[in-house]
Amino acid sequence: NDVQEWTDINGKVYVTQNITIPLFNEGQVV
């Protein structure tokens, strides 16, 4: 539920709410 304001390479501005999840392989974030 992190809220971020950001701009992409085309200059478009977004405000988004995110869920960000790590992916692991043998204990390491890949």
ModelCIF file with pLDDT and N, C-alpha, C, O atoms, coordinates in Angstrom:
data_MODEL
#
_entry.id   MODEL 
#
_entity.id                         1 
_entity.type                       polymer 
_entity.pdbx_number_of_molecules   1 
#
_entity_poly.entity_id                      1 
_entity_poly.type                           'polypeptide(L)' 
_entity_poly.nstd_linkage                   no 
_entity_poly.nstd_monomer                   no 
_entity_poly.pdbx_seq_one_letter_code       NDVQEWTDINGKVYVTQNITIPLFNEGQVV 
_entity_poly.pdbx_seq_one_letter_code_can   NDVQEWTDINGKVYVTQNITIPLFNEGQVV 
_entity_poly.pdbx_strand_id                 A 
#
loop_
_entity_poly_seq.entity_id 
_entity_poly_seq.num 
_entity_poly_seq.mon_id 
_entity_poly_seq.hetero 
1 1  ASN n 
1 2  ASP n 
1 3  VAL n 
1 4  GLN n 
1 5  GLU n 
1 6  TRP n 
1 7  THR n 
1 8  ASP n 
1 9  ILE n 
1 10 ASN n 
1 11 GLY n 
1 12 LYS n 
1 13 VAL n 
1 14 TYR n 
1 15 VAL n 
1 16 THR n 
1 17 GLN n 
1 18 ASN n 
1 19 ILE n 
1 20 THR n 
1 21 ILE n 
1 22 PRO n 
1 23 LEU n 
1 24 PHE n 
1 25 ASN n 
1 26 GLU n 
1 27 GLY n 
1 28 GLN n 
1 29 VAL n 
1 30 VAL n 
#
_struct_asym.id          A 
_struct_asym.entity_id   1 
#
loop_
_ma_qa_metric.id 
_ma_qa_metric.mode 
_ma_qa_metric.name 
_ma_qa_metric.software_group_id 
_ma_qa_metric.type 
1 global pLDDT . pLDDT 
2 local  pLDDT . pLDDT 
#
_ma_qa_metric_global.metric_id      1 
_ma_qa_metric_global.metric_value   76.20 
_ma_qa_metric_global.model_id       1 
_ma_qa_metric_global.ordinal_id     1 
#
loop_
_ma_qa_metric_local.label_asym_id 
_ma_qa_metric_local.label_comp_id 
_ma_qa_metric_local.label_seq_id 
_ma_qa_metric_local.metric_id 
_ma_qa_metric_local.metric_value 
_ma_qa_metric_local.model_id 
_ma_qa_metric_local.ordinal_id 
A ASN 1  2 60.00 1 1  
A ASP 2  2 62.00 1 2  
A VAL 3  2 70.00 1 3  
A GLN 4  2 72.00 1 4  
A GLU 5  2 74.00 1 5  
A TRP 6  2 74.00 1 6  
A THR 7  2 76.00 1 7  
A ASP 8  2 75.00 1 8  
A ILE 9  2 74.00 1 9  
A ASN 10 2 71.00 1 10 
A GLY 11 2 69.00 1 11 
A LYS 12 2 73.00 1 12 
A VAL 13 2 71.00 1 13 
A TYR 14 2 74.00 1 14 
A VAL 15 2 75.00 1 15 
A THR 16 2 78.00 1 16 
A GLN 17 2 79.00 1 17 
A ASN 18 2 80.00 1 18 
A ILE 19 2 86.00 1 19 
A THR 20 2 87.00 1 20 
A ILE 21 2 88.00 1 21 
A PRO 22 2 86.00 1 22 
A LEU 23 2 87.00 1 23 
A PHE 24 2 80.00 1 24 
A ASN 25 2 78.00 1 25 
A GLU 26 2 71.00 1 26 
A GLY 27 2 72.00 1 27 
A GLN 28 2 76.00 1 28 
A VAL 29 2 81.00 1 29 
A VAL 30 2 87.00 1 30 
#
loop_
_atom_site.group_PDB 
_atom_site.id 
_atom_site.type_symbol 
_atom_site.label_atom_id 
_atom_site.label_alt_id 
_atom_site.label_comp_id 
_atom_site.label_asym_id 
_atom_site.label_entity_id 
_atom_site.label_seq_id 
_atom_site.pdbx_PDB_ins_code 
_atom_site.Cartn_x 
_atom_site.Cartn_y 
_atom_site.Cartn_z 
_atom_site.occupancy 
_atom_site.B_iso_or_equiv 
_atom_site.pdbx_formal_charge 
_atom_site.auth_seq_id 
_atom_site.auth_comp_id 
_atom_site.auth_asym_id 
_atom_site.auth_atom_id 
_atom_site.pdbx_PDB_model_num 
ATOM 1   N N  . ASN A 1 1  ? 0.811  -1.224  0.000   1.00 60.00 ? 1  ASN A N  1 
ATOM 2   C CA . ASN A 1 1  ? 0.000  0.000   0.000   1.00 60.00 ? 1  ASN A CA 1 
ATOM 3   C C  . ASN A 1 1  ? 0.842  1.270   0.000   1.00 60.00 ? 1  ASN A C  1 
ATOM 4   O O  . ASN A 1 1  ? 0.452  2.279   0.587   1.00 60.00 ? 1  ASN A O  1 
ATOM 5   N N  . ASP A 1 2  ? 1.998  1.219   -0.659  1.00 62.00 ? 2  ASP A N  1 
ATOM 6   C CA . ASP A 1 2  ? 2.846  2.406   -0.751  1.00 62.00 ? 2  ASP A CA 1 
ATOM 7   C C  . ASP A 1 2  ? 2.321  3.310   -1.868  1.00 62.00 ? 2  ASP A C  1 
ATOM 8   O O  . ASP A 1 2  ? 2.068  2.839   -2.977  1.00 62.00 ? 2  ASP A O  1 
ATOM 9   N N  . VAL A 1 3  ? 2.157  4.605   -1.583  1.00 70.00 ? 3  VAL A N  1 
ATOM 10  C CA . VAL A 1 3  ? 1.695  5.565   -2.584  1.00 70.00 ? 3  VAL A CA 1 
ATOM 11  C C  . VAL A 1 3  ? 2.882  6.344   -3.127  1.00 70.00 ? 3  VAL A C  1 
ATOM 12  O O  . VAL A 1 3  ? 3.661  6.916   -2.364  1.00 70.00 ? 3  VAL A O  1 
ATOM 13  N N  . GLN A 1 4  ? 3.016  6.363   -4.448  1.00 72.00 ? 4  GLN A N  1 
ATOM 14  C CA . GLN A 1 4  ? 4.139  7.044   -5.079  1.00 72.00 ? 4  GLN A CA 1 
ATOM 15  C C  . GLN A 1 4  ? 3.650  7.978   -6.176  1.00 72.00 ? 4  GLN A C  1 
ATOM 16  O O  . GLN A 1 4  ? 2.646  7.715   -6.838  1.00 72.00 ? 4  GLN A O  1 
ATOM 17  N N  . GLU A 1 5  ? 4.373  9.064   -6.351  1.00 74.00 ? 5  GLU A N  1 
ATOM 18  C CA . GLU A 1 5  ? 4.177  9.966   -7.490  1.00 74.00 ? 5  GLU A CA 1 
ATOM 19  C C  . GLU A 1 5  ? 5.417  9.836   -8.358  1.00 74.00 ? 5  GLU A C  1 
ATOM 20  O O  . GLU A 1 5  ? 6.536  9.968   -7.862  1.00 74.00 ? 5  GLU A O  1 
ATOM 21  N N  . TRP A 1 6  ? 5.232  9.578   -9.651  1.00 74.00 ? 6  TRP A N  1 
ATOM 22  C CA . TRP A 1 6  ? 6.396  9.353   -10.493 1.00 74.00 ? 6  TRP A CA 1 
ATOM 23  C C  . TRP A 1 6  ? 6.102  9.751   -11.931 1.00 74.00 ? 6  TRP A C  1 
ATOM 24  O O  . TRP A 1 6  ? 4.951  9.943   -12.324 1.00 74.00 ? 6  TRP A O  1 
ATOM 25  N N  . THR A 1 7  ? 7.189  9.870   -12.713 1.00 76.00 ? 7  THR A N  1 
ATOM 26  C CA . THR A 1 7  ? 7.098  10.284  -14.116 1.00 76.00 ? 7  THR A CA 1 
ATOM 27  C C  . THR A 1 7  ? 7.825  9.267   -14.983 1.00 76.00 ? 7  THR A C  1 
ATOM 28  O O  . THR A 1 7  ? 8.921  8.829   -14.636 1.00 76.00 ? 7  THR A O  1 
ATOM 29  N N  . ASP A 1 8  ? 7.218  8.882   -16.124 1.00 75.00 ? 8  ASP A N  1 
ATOM 30  C CA . ASP A 1 8  ? 7.909  7.939   -16.999 1.00 75.00 ? 8  ASP A CA 1 
ATOM 31  C C  . ASP A 1 8  ? 8.777  8.700   -18.008 1.00 75.00 ? 8  ASP A C  1 
ATOM 32  O O  . ASP A 1 8  ? 8.835  9.929   -17.991 1.00 75.00 ? 8  ASP A O  1 
ATOM 33  N N  . ILE A 1 9  ? 9.446  7.951   -18.883 1.00 74.00 ? 9  ILE A N  1 
ATOM 34  C CA . ILE A 1 9  ? 10.413 8.562   -19.805 1.00 74.00 ? 9  ILE A CA 1 
ATOM 35  C C  . ILE A 1 9  ? 9.735  9.469   -20.829 1.00 74.00 ? 9  ILE A C  1 
ATOM 36  O O  . ILE A 1 9  ? 10.391 10.309  -21.446 1.00 74.00 ? 9  ILE A O  1 
ATOM 37  N N  . ASN A 1 10 ? 8.415  9.302   -21.014 1.00 71.00 ? 10 ASN A N  1 
ATOM 38  C CA . ASN A 1 10 ? 7.664  10.155  -21.944 1.00 71.00 ? 10 ASN A CA 1 
ATOM 39  C C  . ASN A 1 10 ? 7.108  11.411  -21.275 1.00 71.00 ? 10 ASN A C  1 
ATOM 40  O O  . ASN A 1 10 ? 6.407  12.201  -21.908 1.00 71.00 ? 10 ASN A O  1 
ATOM 41  N N  . GLY A 1 11 ? 7.426  11.589  -19.990 1.00 69.00 ? 11 GLY A N  1 
ATOM 42  C CA . GLY A 1 11 ? 6.974  12.771  -19.282 1.00 69.00 ? 11 GLY A CA 1 
ATOM 43  C C  . GLY A 1 11 ? 5.585  12.645  -18.672 1.00 69.00 ? 11 GLY A C  1 
ATOM 44  O O  . GLY A 1 11 ? 5.069  13.621  -18.130 1.00 69.00 ? 11 GLY A O  1 
ATOM 45  N N  . LYS A 1 12 ? 4.964  11.466  -18.745 1.00 73.00 ? 12 LYS A N  1 
ATOM 46  C CA . LYS A 1 12 ? 3.637  11.263  -18.167 1.00 73.00 ? 12 LYS A CA 1 
ATOM 47  C C  . LYS A 1 12 ? 3.761  11.116  -16.647 1.00 73.00 ? 12 LYS A C  1 
ATOM 48  O O  . LYS A 1 12 ? 4.621  10.390  -16.149 1.00 73.00 ? 12 LYS A O  1 
ATOM 49  N N  . VAL A 1 13 ? 2.892  11.814  -15.927 1.00 71.00 ? 13 VAL A N  1 
ATOM 50  C CA . VAL A 1 13 ? 2.931  11.807  -14.467 1.00 71.00 ? 13 VAL A CA 1 
ATOM 51  C C  . VAL A 1 13 ? 1.851  10.866  -13.936 1.00 71.00 ? 13 VAL A C  1 
ATOM 52  O O  . VAL A 1 13 ? 0.720  10.882  -14.420 1.00 71.00 ? 13 VAL A O  1 
ATOM 53  N N  . TYR A 1 14 ? 2.201  10.044  -12.939 1.00 74.00 ? 14 TYR A N  1 
ATOM 54  C CA . TYR A 1 14 ? 1.268  9.097   -12.350 1.00 74.00 ? 14 TYR A CA 1 
ATOM 55  C C  . TYR A 1 14 ? 1.303  9.205   -10.826 1.00 74.00 ? 14 TYR A C  1 
ATOM 56  O O  . TYR A 1 14 ? 2.329  9.541   -10.233 1.00 74.00 ? 14 TYR A O  1 
ATOM 57  N N  . VAL A 1 15 ? 0.169  8.916   -10.216 1.00 75.00 ? 15 VAL A N  1 
ATOM 58  C CA . VAL A 1 15 ? 0.124  8.676   -8.777  1.00 75.00 ? 15 VAL A CA 1 
ATOM 59  C C  . VAL A 1 15 ? -0.455 7.276   -8.617  1.00 75.00 ? 15 VAL A C  1 
ATOM 60  O O  . VAL A 1 15 ? -1.565 7.005   -9.075  1.00 75.00 ? 15 VAL A O  1 
ATOM 61  N N  . THR A 1 16 ? 0.292  6.388   -7.968  1.00 78.00 ? 16 THR A N  1 
ATOM 62  C CA . THR A 1 16 ? -0.123 4.991   -7.879  1.00 78.00 ? 16 THR A CA 1 
ATOM 63  C C  . THR A 1 16 ? -0.010 4.472   -6.451  1.00 78.00 ? 16 THR A C  1 
ATOM 64  O O  . THR A 1 16 ? 0.755  4.980   -5.631  1.00 78.00 ? 16 THR A O  1 
ATOM 65  N N  . GLN A 1 17 ? -0.795 3.449   -6.193  1.00 79.00 ? 17 GLN A N  1 
ATOM 66  C CA . GLN A 1 17 ? -0.693 2.714   -4.939  1.00 79.00 ? 17 GLN A CA 1 
ATOM 67  C C  . GLN A 1 17 ? -0.155 1.330   -5.289  1.00 79.00 ? 17 GLN A C  1 
ATOM 68  O O  . GLN A 1 17 ? -0.690 0.663   -6.175  1.00 79.00 ? 17 GLN A O  1 
ATOM 69  N N  . ASN A 1 18 ? 0.892  0.897   -4.605  1.00 80.00 ? 18 ASN A N  1 
ATOM 70  C CA . ASN A 1 18 ? 1.626  -0.290  -5.039  1.00 80.00 ? 18 ASN A CA 1 
ATOM 71  C C  . ASN A 1 18 ? 1.712  -1.365  -3.956  1.00 80.00 ? 18 ASN A C  1 
ATOM 72  O O  . ASN A 1 18 ? 1.769  -1.072  -2.762  1.00 80.00 ? 18 ASN A O  1 
ATOM 73  N N  . ILE A 1 19 ? 1.719  -2.606  -4.409  1.00 86.00 ? 19 ILE A N  1 
ATOM 74  C CA . ILE A 1 19 ? 2.146  -3.733  -3.586  1.00 86.00 ? 19 ILE A CA 1 
ATOM 75  C C  . ILE A 1 19 ? 3.355  -4.329  -4.289  1.00 86.00 ? 19 ILE A C  1 
ATOM 76  O O  . ILE A 1 19 ? 3.256  -4.763  -5.437  1.00 86.00 ? 19 ILE A O  1 
ATOM 77  N N  . THR A 1 20 ? 4.483  -4.353  -3.615  1.00 87.00 ? 20 THR A N  1 
ATOM 78  C CA . THR A 1 20 ? 5.742  -4.788  -4.225  1.00 87.00 ? 20 THR A CA 1 
ATOM 79  C C  . THR A 1 20 ? 6.254  -6.022  -3.490  1.00 87.00 ? 20 THR A C  1 
ATOM 80  O O  . THR A 1 20 ? 6.436  -5.997  -2.272  1.00 87.00 ? 20 THR A O  1 
ATOM 81  N N  . ILE A 1 21 ? 6.486  -7.107  -4.238  1.00 88.00 ? 21 ILE A N  1 
ATOM 82  C CA . ILE A 1 21 ? 6.793  -8.409  -3.642  1.00 88.00 ? 21 ILE A CA 1 
ATOM 83  C C  . ILE A 1 21 ? 8.120  -8.931  -4.189  1.00 88.00 ? 21 ILE A C  1 
ATOM 84  O O  . ILE A 1 21 ? 8.312  -8.942  -5.405  1.00 88.00 ? 21 ILE A O  1 
ATOM 85  N N  . PRO A 1 22 ? 9.055  -9.370  -3.310  1.00 86.00 ? 22 PRO A N  1 
ATOM 86  C CA . PRO A 1 22 ? 10.333 -9.904  -3.797  1.00 86.00 ? 22 PRO A CA 1 
ATOM 87  C C  . PRO A 1 22 ? 10.187 -11.342 -4.316  1.00 86.00 ? 22 PRO A C  1 
ATOM 88  O O  . PRO A 1 22 ? 9.348  -12.104 -3.834  1.00 86.00 ? 22 PRO A O  1 
ATOM 89  N N  . LEU A 1 23 ? 11.015 -11.696 -5.302  1.00 87.00 ? 23 LEU A N  1 
ATOM 90  C CA . LEU A 1 23 ? 11.081 -13.058 -5.826  1.00 87.00 ? 23 LEU A CA 1 
ATOM 91  C C  . LEU A 1 23 ? 12.415 -13.672 -5.404  1.00 87.00 ? 23 LEU A C  1 
ATOM 92  O O  . LEU A 1 23 ? 13.469 -13.072 -5.613  1.00 87.00 ? 23 LEU A O  1 
ATOM 93  N N  . PHE A 1 24 ? 12.372 -14.862 -4.812  1.00 80.00 ? 24 PHE A N  1 
ATOM 94  C CA . PHE A 1 24 ? 13.578 -15.486 -4.273  1.00 80.00 ? 24 PHE A CA 1 
ATOM 95  C C  . PHE A 1 24 ? 13.955 -16.736 -5.065  1.00 80.00 ? 24 PHE A C  1 
ATOM 96  O O  . PHE A 1 24 ? 13.098 -17.430 -5.612  1.00 80.00 ? 24 PHE A O  1 
ATOM 97  N N  . ASN A 1 25 ? 15.255 -17.002 -5.112  1.00 78.00 ? 25 ASN A N  1 
ATOM 98  C CA . ASN A 1 25 ? 15.786 -18.256 -5.647  1.00 78.00 ? 25 ASN A CA 1 
ATOM 99  C C  . ASN A 1 25 ? 16.974 -18.656 -4.772  1.00 78.00 ? 25 ASN A C  1 
ATOM 100 O O  . ASN A 1 25 ? 17.995 -17.970 -4.738  1.00 78.00 ? 25 ASN A O  1 
ATOM 101 N N  . GLU A 1 26 ? 16.820 -19.776 -4.069  1.00 71.00 ? 26 GLU A N  1 
ATOM 102 C CA . GLU A 1 26 ? 17.856 -20.257 -3.149  1.00 71.00 ? 26 GLU A CA 1 
ATOM 103 C C  . GLU A 1 26 ? 18.242 -19.186 -2.126  1.00 71.00 ? 26 GLU A C  1 
ATOM 104 O O  . GLU A 1 26 ? 19.416 -18.995 -1.807  1.00 71.00 ? 26 GLU A O  1 
ATOM 105 N N  . GLY A 1 27 ? 17.224 -18.501 -1.629  1.00 72.00 ? 27 GLY A N  1 
ATOM 106 C CA . GLY A 1 27 ? 17.450 -17.533 -0.575  1.00 72.00 ? 27 GLY A CA 1 
ATOM 107 C C  . GLY A 1 27 ? 17.901 -16.164 -1.032  1.00 72.00 ? 27 GLY A C  1 
ATOM 108 O O  . GLY A 1 27 ? 18.061 -15.264 -0.207  1.00 72.00 ? 27 GLY A O  1 
ATOM 109 N N  . GLN A 1 28 ? 18.115 -15.979 -2.342  1.00 76.00 ? 28 GLN A N  1 
ATOM 110 C CA . GLN A 1 28 ? 18.563 -14.704 -2.867  1.00 76.00 ? 28 GLN A CA 1 
ATOM 111 C C  . GLN A 1 28 ? 17.445 -14.024 -3.660  1.00 76.00 ? 28 GLN A C  1 
ATOM 112 O O  . GLN A 1 28 ? 16.692 -14.680 -4.381  1.00 76.00 ? 28 GLN A O  1 
ATOM 113 N N  . VAL A 1 29 ? 17.348 -12.689 -3.514  1.00 81.00 ? 29 VAL A N  1 
ATOM 114 C CA . VAL A 1 29 ? 16.358 -11.942 -4.285  1.00 81.00 ? 29 VAL A CA 1 
ATOM 115 C C  . VAL A 1 29 ? 16.812 -11.889 -5.745  1.00 81.00 ? 29 VAL A C  1 
ATOM 116 O O  . VAL A 1 29 ? 17.900 -11.395 -6.042  1.00 81.00 ? 29 VAL A O  1 
ATOM 117 N N  . VAL A 1 30 ? 15.978 -12.396 -6.651  1.00 87.00 ? 30 VAL A N  1 
ATOM 118 C CA . VAL A 1 30 ? 16.332 -12.423 -8.079  1.00 87.00 ? 30 VAL A CA 1 
ATOM 119 C C  . VAL A 1 30 ? 15.437 -11.495 -8.903  1.00 87.00 ? 30 VAL A C  1 
ATOM 120 O O  . VAL A 1 30 ? 15.600 -11.400 -10.119 1.00 87.00 ? 30 VAL A O  1 
#
